[in-house]
Amino acid sequence: SDLNGWMTPGQAKDICENDEKCGGFTYKGTTLMNRECEIYFFHILVNLETDVDSWKWIFYKPNRTYIRFPGIFENEDDIENRKFVNSNIDGITPEEKCEMDQECVAIVNT
């Protein structure tokens, strides 16, 4: 990611919370939020290691259950597989609907 680099975890947290595409970040070091570390941002947390070698790595996930990629999924080739949700009719938000659907990978705002 272009965001990766040396900064404090506090700075990284602010960047991640304000970037809709940020799924979190990781760094090797301490839980002190004001000490500079080399930060690695990610979009999606795929694998969480729990073995002894990974104990030195700290990770942070933003306070949301989804991320946004504006304009990324606008390919018309796969339009027949899209499900359209209207919260006025269904009474549920697209985000809530996606959380309940194990096959949901994206929400496209139009």
N, C-alpha and C. Protein backbone atom coordinates (compact mmCIF):
# COMPACT_ATOMS: atom_id res chain seq x y z
N SER A 1 0.83 -1.19 0.00
CA SER A 1 0.00 0.00 0.00
C SER A 1 0.87 1.25 0.00
N ASP A 2 0.38 2.31 -0.62
CA ASP A 2 1.11 3.58 -0.62
C ASP A 2 1.17 4.20 0.77
N LEU A 3 0.30 3.75 1.67
CA LEU A 3 0.26 4.31 3.01
C LEU A 3 1.34 3.75 3.92
N ASN A 4 1.90 2.58 3.58
CA ASN A 4 2.90 1.93 4.44
C ASN A 4 4.06 2.86 4.73
N GLY A 5 4.61 2.73 5.94
CA GLY A 5 5.79 3.51 6.28
C GLY A 5 5.94 3.71 7.77
N TRP A 6 6.91 4.54 8.14
CA TRP A 6 7.21 4.80 9.54
C TRP A 6 6.28 5.88 10.07
N MET A 7 5.59 5.55 11.17
CA MET A 7 4.70 6.48 11.86
C MET A 7 4.31 5.85 13.19
N THR A 8 3.61 6.58 14.00
CA THR A 8 3.14 6.02 15.26
C THR A 8 1.84 5.24 15.00
N PRO A 9 1.54 4.25 15.83
CA PRO A 9 0.26 3.56 15.68
C PRO A 9 -0.94 4.51 15.80
N GLY A 10 -0.80 5.55 16.60
CA GLY A 10 -1.87 6.54 16.72
C GLY A 10 -2.12 7.25 15.40
N GLN A 11 -1.04 7.62 14.70
CA GLN A 11 -1.18 8.25 13.39
C GLN A 11 -1.80 7.27 12.39
N ALA A 12 -1.35 6.01 12.43
CA ALA A 12 -1.87 4.98 11.53
C ALA A 12 -3.36 4.75 11.78
N LYS A 13 -3.76 4.76 13.05
CA LYS A 13 -5.17 4.58 13.39
C LYS A 13 -6.01 5.70 12.79
N ASP A 14 -5.55 6.95 12.92
CA ASP A 14 -6.27 8.09 12.35
C ASP A 14 -6.39 7.97 10.83
N ILE A 15 -5.30 7.58 10.17
CA ILE A 15 -5.31 7.40 8.72
C ILE A 15 -6.31 6.32 8.33
N CYS A 16 -6.27 5.19 9.03
CA CYS A 16 -7.13 4.06 8.70
C CYS A 16 -8.61 4.38 8.93
N GLU A 17 -8.92 5.02 10.03
CA GLU A 17 -10.32 5.36 10.32
C GLU A 17 -10.90 6.33 9.30
N ASN A 18 -10.05 7.13 8.66
CA ASN A 18 -10.51 8.12 7.69
C ASN A 18 -10.38 7.66 6.24
N ASP A 19 -9.91 6.44 6.02
CA ASP A 19 -9.76 5.89 4.66
C ASP A 19 -10.75 4.74 4.50
N GLU A 20 -11.76 4.91 3.66
CA GLU A 20 -12.81 3.89 3.48
C GLU A 20 -12.28 2.57 2.95
N LYS A 21 -11.09 2.57 2.34
CA LYS A 21 -10.52 1.34 1.79
C LYS A 21 -9.61 0.62 2.78
N CYS A 22 -9.39 1.21 3.95
CA CYS A 22 -8.49 0.61 4.93
C CYS A 22 -9.20 -0.48 5.73
N GLY A 23 -8.65 -1.69 5.67
CA GLY A 23 -9.19 -2.80 6.45
C GLY A 23 -8.42 -3.00 7.74
N GLY A 24 -7.33 -2.24 7.91
CA GLY A 24 -6.53 -2.32 9.13
C GLY A 24 -5.06 -2.19 8.82
N PHE A 25 -4.25 -2.40 9.85
CA PHE A 25 -2.80 -2.35 9.69
C PHE A 25 -2.15 -3.25 10.72
N THR A 26 -0.88 -3.53 10.49
CA THR A 26 -0.10 -4.35 11.41
C THR A 26 1.29 -3.75 11.56
N TYR A 27 1.91 -4.05 12.66
CA TYR A 27 3.28 -3.59 12.90
C TYR A 27 3.90 -4.47 13.98
N LYS A 28 5.22 -4.50 13.99
CA LYS A 28 5.96 -5.26 14.98
C LYS A 28 6.46 -4.28 16.02
N GLY A 29 6.07 -4.49 17.26
CA GLY A 29 6.52 -3.56 18.29
C GLY A 29 5.64 -3.58 19.52
N THR A 30 5.47 -2.42 20.09
CA THR A 30 4.78 -2.25 21.35
C THR A 30 3.36 -1.73 21.14
N THR A 31 2.55 -1.83 22.17
CA THR A 31 1.18 -1.30 22.09
C THR A 31 1.13 0.19 22.42
N LEU A 32 2.27 0.79 22.74
CA LEU A 32 2.30 2.24 22.98
C LEU A 32 1.96 2.97 21.69
N MET A 33 0.99 3.86 21.73
CA MET A 33 0.47 4.50 20.52
C MET A 33 1.33 5.67 20.03
N ASN A 34 2.36 6.07 20.80
CA ASN A 34 3.16 7.23 20.40
C ASN A 34 4.59 6.89 20.01
N ARG A 35 4.90 5.62 19.82
CA ARG A 35 6.24 5.19 19.44
C ARG A 35 6.24 4.80 17.96
N GLU A 36 7.16 5.36 17.17
CA GLU A 36 7.20 5.09 15.73
C GLU A 36 7.56 3.65 15.43
N CYS A 37 6.83 3.09 14.46
CA CYS A 37 7.06 1.71 13.98
C CYS A 37 6.89 1.73 12.47
N GLU A 38 7.33 0.67 11.83
CA GLU A 38 7.04 0.52 10.41
C GLU A 38 5.66 -0.12 10.29
N ILE A 39 4.72 0.61 9.73
CA ILE A 39 3.31 0.21 9.66
C ILE A 39 3.01 -0.37 8.27
N TYR A 40 2.26 -1.47 8.25
CA TYR A 40 1.82 -2.10 7.01
C TYR A 40 0.29 -2.13 6.98
N PHE A 41 -0.30 -1.38 6.07
CA PHE A 41 -1.76 -1.31 5.93
C PHE A 41 -2.25 -2.44 5.03
N PHE A 42 -3.51 -2.83 5.22
CA PHE A 42 -4.13 -3.84 4.35
C PHE A 42 -5.59 -3.49 4.12
N HIS A 43 -6.17 -4.09 3.07
CA HIS A 43 -7.58 -3.89 2.78
C HIS A 43 -8.43 -4.93 3.51
N ILE A 44 -7.99 -6.17 3.49
CA ILE A 44 -8.77 -7.26 4.06
C ILE A 44 -7.85 -8.10 4.94
N LEU A 45 -8.32 -8.42 6.14
CA LEU A 45 -7.59 -9.31 7.04
C LEU A 45 -7.93 -10.74 6.65
N VAL A 46 -6.99 -11.42 5.99
CA VAL A 46 -7.24 -12.75 5.47
C VAL A 46 -6.83 -13.83 6.46
N ASN A 47 -5.68 -13.65 7.09
CA ASN A 47 -5.13 -14.69 7.94
C ASN A 47 -4.57 -14.07 9.21
N LEU A 48 -5.04 -14.50 10.34
CA LEU A 48 -4.54 -14.00 11.62
C LEU A 48 -3.68 -15.09 12.25
N GLU A 49 -2.38 -14.85 12.28
CA GLU A 49 -1.44 -15.81 12.85
C GLU A 49 -1.49 -15.74 14.37
N THR A 50 -1.43 -16.89 15.04
CA THR A 50 -1.47 -16.91 16.50
C THR A 50 -0.32 -17.71 17.12
N ASP A 51 0.64 -18.14 16.27
CA ASP A 51 1.75 -18.93 16.82
C ASP A 51 2.73 -18.01 17.55
N VAL A 52 3.68 -18.60 18.25
CA VAL A 52 4.63 -17.87 19.09
C VAL A 52 5.40 -16.82 18.28
N ASP A 53 5.78 -17.13 17.04
CA ASP A 53 6.56 -16.20 16.22
C ASP A 53 5.77 -14.94 15.87
N SER A 54 4.45 -15.01 15.91
CA SER A 54 3.64 -13.86 15.53
C SER A 54 3.25 -12.99 16.73
N TRP A 55 3.62 -13.36 17.92
CA TRP A 55 3.22 -12.61 19.12
C TRP A 55 3.77 -11.19 19.15
N LYS A 56 4.86 -10.93 18.46
CA LYS A 56 5.45 -9.59 18.46
C LYS A 56 4.70 -8.64 17.53
N TRP A 57 3.82 -9.18 16.69
CA TRP A 57 3.08 -8.36 15.73
C TRP A 57 1.75 -7.92 16.33
N ILE A 58 1.49 -6.64 16.19
CA ILE A 58 0.25 -6.04 16.67
C ILE A 58 -0.59 -5.73 15.44
N PHE A 59 -1.91 -5.89 15.52
CA PHE A 59 -2.75 -5.50 14.40
C PHE A 59 -3.91 -4.63 14.88
N TYR A 60 -4.42 -3.85 13.98
CA TYR A 60 -5.55 -2.96 14.27
C TYR A 60 -6.57 -3.09 13.15
N LYS A 61 -7.84 -3.21 13.53
CA LYS A 61 -8.95 -3.21 12.57
C LYS A 61 -9.80 -1.99 12.87
N PRO A 62 -10.23 -1.27 11.84
CA PRO A 62 -11.06 -0.08 12.09
C PRO A 62 -12.42 -0.45 12.67
N ASN A 63 -13.07 0.53 13.23
CA ASN A 63 -14.35 0.33 13.88
C ASN A 63 -15.50 0.34 12.87
N ARG A 64 -15.47 -0.62 11.94
CA ARG A 64 -16.54 -0.79 10.95
C ARG A 64 -16.48 -2.22 10.44
N THR A 65 -17.57 -2.69 9.85
CA THR A 65 -17.64 -4.09 9.42
C THR A 65 -17.46 -4.24 7.92
N TYR A 66 -17.22 -3.16 7.21
CA TYR A 66 -17.04 -3.23 5.76
C TYR A 66 -16.10 -2.13 5.31
N ILE A 67 -15.56 -2.29 4.10
CA ILE A 67 -14.73 -1.25 3.49
C ILE A 67 -15.32 -0.90 2.14
N ARG A 68 -14.97 0.28 1.63
CA ARG A 68 -15.50 0.74 0.35
C ARG A 68 -14.36 0.92 -0.65
N PHE A 69 -14.64 0.53 -1.89
CA PHE A 69 -13.72 0.73 -3.00
C PHE A 69 -14.47 1.50 -4.08
N PRO A 70 -14.57 2.81 -3.97
CA PRO A 70 -15.35 3.59 -4.95
C PRO A 70 -14.88 3.35 -6.39
N GLY A 71 -15.83 2.94 -7.26
CA GLY A 71 -15.54 2.78 -8.68
C GLY A 71 -14.84 1.49 -9.08
N ILE A 72 -14.43 0.66 -8.14
CA ILE A 72 -13.64 -0.53 -8.45
C ILE A 72 -14.48 -1.63 -9.10
N PHE A 73 -15.72 -1.81 -8.67
CA PHE A 73 -16.54 -2.94 -9.13
C PHE A 73 -17.54 -2.53 -10.21
N GLU A 74 -17.19 -1.60 -11.03
CA GLU A 74 -18.11 -1.09 -12.04
C GLU A 74 -18.02 -1.83 -13.37
N ASN A 75 -17.51 -3.05 -13.39
CA ASN A 75 -17.41 -3.86 -14.59
C ASN A 75 -18.79 -4.42 -14.95
N GLU A 76 -19.26 -4.15 -16.13
CA GLU A 76 -20.59 -4.59 -16.56
C GLU A 76 -20.63 -6.06 -16.99
N ASP A 77 -19.48 -6.74 -17.09
CA ASP A 77 -19.45 -8.12 -17.54
C ASP A 77 -20.21 -9.07 -16.60
N ASP A 78 -20.23 -8.76 -15.32
CA ASP A 78 -20.80 -9.66 -14.32
C ASP A 78 -22.10 -9.13 -13.73
N ILE A 79 -22.79 -8.28 -14.44
CA ILE A 79 -23.97 -7.61 -13.90
C ILE A 79 -25.11 -8.56 -13.56
N GLU A 80 -25.22 -9.71 -14.25
CA GLU A 80 -26.31 -10.64 -13.98
C GLU A 80 -26.19 -11.30 -12.61
N ASN A 81 -25.01 -11.28 -12.00
CA ASN A 81 -24.81 -11.88 -10.68
C ASN A 81 -25.02 -10.89 -9.53
N ARG A 82 -25.30 -9.65 -9.83
CA ARG A 82 -25.50 -8.66 -8.79
C ARG A 82 -26.89 -8.79 -8.17
N LYS A 83 -26.96 -8.52 -6.89
CA LYS A 83 -28.24 -8.46 -6.18
C LYS A 83 -28.46 -7.01 -5.79
N PHE A 84 -29.62 -6.49 -6.09
CA PHE A 84 -29.91 -5.10 -5.78
C PHE A 84 -30.76 -5.01 -4.52
N VAL A 85 -30.38 -4.10 -3.64
CA VAL A 85 -31.07 -3.93 -2.36
C VAL A 85 -31.57 -2.51 -2.27
N ASN A 86 -32.83 -2.36 -1.93
CA ASN A 86 -33.41 -1.04 -1.71
C ASN A 86 -33.92 -1.02 -0.28
N SER A 87 -33.29 -0.24 0.59
CA SER A 87 -33.65 -0.24 2.01
C SER A 87 -35.07 0.27 2.23
N ASN A 88 -35.64 1.05 1.28
CA ASN A 88 -37.01 1.50 1.43
C ASN A 88 -38.00 0.35 1.28
N ILE A 89 -37.65 -0.64 0.48
CA ILE A 89 -38.54 -1.79 0.25
C ILE A 89 -38.23 -2.92 1.23
N ASP A 90 -36.95 -3.26 1.35
CA ASP A 90 -36.55 -4.40 2.19
C ASP A 90 -36.53 -4.06 3.68
N GLY A 91 -36.41 -2.79 4.03
CA GLY A 91 -36.32 -2.38 5.43
C GLY A 91 -34.99 -2.71 6.07
N ILE A 92 -33.98 -2.99 5.27
CA ILE A 92 -32.65 -3.34 5.77
C ILE A 92 -31.61 -2.63 4.89
N THR A 93 -30.54 -2.19 5.49
CA THR A 93 -29.52 -1.48 4.72
C THR A 93 -28.70 -2.47 3.91
N PRO A 94 -28.09 -2.02 2.83
CA PRO A 94 -27.21 -2.91 2.06
C PRO A 94 -26.08 -3.49 2.91
N GLU A 95 -25.53 -2.69 3.82
CA GLU A 95 -24.45 -3.17 4.68
C GLU A 95 -24.92 -4.33 5.56
N GLU A 96 -26.13 -4.19 6.14
CA GLU A 96 -26.68 -5.25 6.98
C GLU A 96 -26.96 -6.51 6.15
N LYS A 97 -27.50 -6.32 4.95
CA LYS A 97 -27.79 -7.44 4.06
C LYS A 97 -26.50 -8.18 3.69
N CYS A 98 -25.44 -7.42 3.40
CA CYS A 98 -24.15 -8.02 3.03
C CYS A 98 -23.55 -8.80 4.20
N GLU A 99 -23.69 -8.28 5.42
CA GLU A 99 -23.16 -8.98 6.59
C GLU A 99 -23.83 -10.34 6.78
N MET A 100 -25.10 -10.47 6.40
CA MET A 100 -25.84 -11.73 6.57
C MET A 100 -25.59 -12.72 5.44
N ASP A 101 -25.04 -12.26 4.32
CA ASP A 101 -24.83 -13.10 3.14
C ASP A 101 -23.36 -13.50 3.06
N GLN A 102 -23.05 -14.78 3.23
CA GLN A 102 -21.66 -15.25 3.23
C GLN A 102 -20.99 -15.08 1.87
N GLU A 103 -21.77 -14.92 0.81
CA GLU A 103 -21.19 -14.76 -0.52
C GLU A 103 -21.03 -13.30 -0.92
N CYS A 104 -21.44 -12.38 -0.06
CA CYS A 104 -21.33 -10.95 -0.37
C CYS A 104 -19.87 -10.51 -0.26
N VAL A 105 -19.36 -9.91 -1.33
CA VAL A 105 -17.97 -9.43 -1.33
C VAL A 105 -17.88 -7.93 -1.52
N ALA A 106 -18.99 -7.30 -1.92
CA ALA A 106 -18.92 -5.86 -2.19
C ALA A 106 -20.30 -5.25 -2.20
N ILE A 107 -20.34 -3.97 -1.92
CA ILE A 107 -21.55 -3.16 -2.05
C ILE A 107 -21.22 -2.06 -3.05
N VAL A 108 -22.02 -1.94 -4.07
CA VAL A 108 -21.81 -0.91 -5.08
C VAL A 108 -22.87 0.16 -4.86
N ASN A 109 -22.43 1.36 -4.51
CA ASN A 109 -23.36 2.48 -4.37
C ASN A 109 -23.55 3.14 -5.73
N THR A 110 -24.81 3.35 -6.11
CA THR A 110 -25.09 3.98 -7.40
C THR A 110 -25.76 5.32 -7.20
